[in-house]
């Protein structure tokens, strides 16, 4: 499994934008499609809200990739 550490510069980042920022997809719209397809989990639970707020300490997983979000 590939592991990515993401440094959070604000209080939160929207899930679809996080996927774009770490290079999983090319745009926020493509990120929304990944989430809507049921391919993304947050802290081990399937997440279908495209603009779910991801905060410090949360873990996002999809397709063999694990993104650890940490405050910057």
C-alpha atoms as a PDB file:
ATOM      1  CA  UNK A   1       0.000   0.000   0.000  1.00  0.00           C
ATOM      2  CA  UNK A   2       1.301   3.432  -0.966  1.00  0.00           C
ATOM      3  CA  UNK A   3       1.396   5.915   1.923  1.00  0.00           C
ATOM      4  CA  UNK A   4       1.139   9.679   1.472  1.00  0.00           C
ATOM      5  CA  UNK A   5       1.497  12.304   4.195  1.00  0.00           C
ATOM      6  CA  UNK A   6      -0.533  15.454   3.516  1.00  0.00           C
ATOM      7  CA  UNK A   7       0.272  18.647   5.400  1.00  0.00           C
ATOM      8  CA  UNK A   8      -2.916  20.550   6.226  1.00  0.00           C
ATOM      9  CA  UNK A   9      -2.499  24.344   6.137  1.00  0.00           C
ATOM     10  CA  UNK A  10      -6.073  25.242   7.104  1.00  0.00           C
ATOM     11  CA  UNK A  11      -8.663  23.877   9.532  1.00  0.00           C
ATOM     12  CA  UNK A  12      -9.831  21.331   6.929  1.00  0.00           C
ATOM     13  CA  UNK A  13      -9.665  20.332   3.269  1.00  0.00           C
ATOM     14  CA  UNK A  14     -12.609  19.029   1.253  1.00  0.00           C
ATOM     15  CA  UNK A  15     -12.266  15.369   0.338  1.00  0.00           C
ATOM     16  CA  UNK A  16     -12.463  15.871  -3.437  1.00  0.00           C
ATOM     17  CA  UNK A  17      -9.812  18.613  -3.244  1.00  0.00           C
ATOM     18  CA  UNK A  18      -7.528  16.436  -1.119  1.00  0.00           C
ATOM     19  CA  UNK A  19      -7.582  13.754  -3.805  1.00  0.00           C
ATOM     20  CA  UNK A  20      -6.574  16.374  -6.377  1.00  0.00           C
ATOM     21  CA  UNK A  21      -3.864  17.928  -4.191  1.00  0.00           C
ATOM     22  CA  UNK A  22      -2.084  14.620  -3.555  1.00  0.00           C
ATOM     23  CA  UNK A  23      -2.199  13.695  -7.255  1.00  0.00           C
ATOM     24  CA  UNK A  24      -4.755  10.861  -7.127  1.00  0.00           C
ATOM     25  CA  UNK A  25      -6.793  12.643  -9.804  1.00  0.00           C
ATOM     26  CA  UNK A  26      -6.377  15.626 -12.118  1.00  0.00           C
ATOM     27  CA  UNK A  27      -9.286  17.759 -10.915  1.00  0.00           C
ATOM     28  CA  UNK A  28     -11.759  18.277  -8.108  1.00  0.00           C
ATOM     29  CA  UNK A  29     -14.480  17.010 -10.452  1.00  0.00           C
ATOM     30  CA  UNK A  30     -12.614  13.755 -10.993  1.00  0.00           C
ATOM     31  CA  UNK A  31     -12.230  13.525  -7.211  1.00  0.00           C
ATOM     32  CA  UNK A  32     -15.989  13.903  -6.811  1.00  0.00           C
ATOM     33  CA  UNK A  33     -16.537  11.021  -9.224  1.00  0.00           C
ATOM     34  CA  UNK A  34     -14.169   8.780  -7.233  1.00  0.00           C
ATOM     35  CA  UNK A  35     -16.019   9.565  -4.010  1.00  0.00           C
ATOM     36  CA  UNK A  36     -19.459   9.156  -5.601  1.00  0.00           C
ATOM     37  CA  UNK A  37     -18.386   5.755  -6.937  1.00  0.00           C
ATOM     38  CA  UNK A  38     -17.928   4.489  -3.387  1.00  0.00           C
ATOM     39  CA  UNK A  39     -14.177   4.030  -3.774  1.00  0.00           C
ATOM     40  CA  UNK A  40     -13.041   6.221  -0.873  1.00  0.00           C
ATOM     41  CA  UNK A  41     -12.997   5.594   2.867  1.00  0.00           C
ATOM     42  CA  UNK A  42     -12.278   8.008   5.716  1.00  0.00           C
ATOM     43  CA  UNK A  43     -11.034   6.527   8.984  1.00  0.00           C
ATOM     44  CA  UNK A  44     -12.046   3.061   7.769  1.00  0.00           C
ATOM     45  CA  UNK A  45     -15.626   3.972   6.820  1.00  0.00           C
ATOM     46  CA  UNK A  46     -16.947   4.354   3.292  1.00  0.00           C
ATOM     47  CA  UNK A  47     -17.489   8.056   2.521  1.00  0.00           C
ATOM     48  CA  UNK A  48     -19.931   9.261  -0.144  1.00  0.00           C
ATOM     49  CA  UNK A  49     -19.969  12.991   0.701  1.00  0.00           C
ATOM     50  CA  UNK A  50     -17.790  14.574  -1.979  1.00  0.00           C
ATOM     51  CA  UNK A  51     -17.036  17.710   0.030  1.00  0.00           C
ATOM     52  CA  UNK A  52     -16.630  15.976   3.394  1.00  0.00           C
ATOM     53  CA  UNK A  53     -14.303  18.054   5.594  1.00  0.00           C
ATOM     54  CA  UNK A  54     -11.060  16.210   6.257  1.00  0.00           C
ATOM     55  CA  UNK A  55      -9.230  17.393   9.376  1.00  0.00           C
ATOM     56  CA  UNK A  56      -5.944  16.811  11.190  1.00  0.00           C
ATOM     57  CA  UNK A  57      -5.391  13.166  12.133  1.00  0.00           C
ATOM     58  CA  UNK A  58      -7.813  11.622   9.673  1.00  0.00           C
ATOM     59  CA  UNK A  59      -6.843   8.878   7.226  1.00  0.00           C
ATOM     60  CA  UNK A  60      -8.247   8.648   3.702  1.00  0.00           C
ATOM     61  CA  UNK A  61      -7.892   5.380   1.766  1.00  0.00           C
ATOM     62  CA  UNK A  62      -8.642   4.320  -1.792  1.00  0.00           C
ATOM     63  CA  UNK A  63      -7.297   1.877  -4.359  1.00  0.00           C
ATOM     64  CA  UNK A  64      -4.263   0.831  -2.322  1.00  0.00           C
ATOM     65  CA  UNK A  65      -3.358   4.393  -1.298  1.00  0.00           C
ATOM     66  CA  UNK A  66      -3.419   5.635   2.300  1.00  0.00           C
ATOM     67  CA  UNK A  67      -3.356   9.412   2.916  1.00  0.00           C
ATOM     68  CA  UNK A  68      -2.486  10.549   6.440  1.00  0.00           C
ATOM     69  CA  UNK A  69      -3.593  14.148   7.076  1.00  0.00           C
ATOM     70  CA  UNK A  70      -1.495  16.158   9.533  1.00  0.00           C
ATOM     71  CA  UNK A  71      -1.640  19.784  10.628  1.00  0.00           C
ATOM     72  CA  UNK A  72       1.164  21.892   9.155  1.00  0.00           C
END
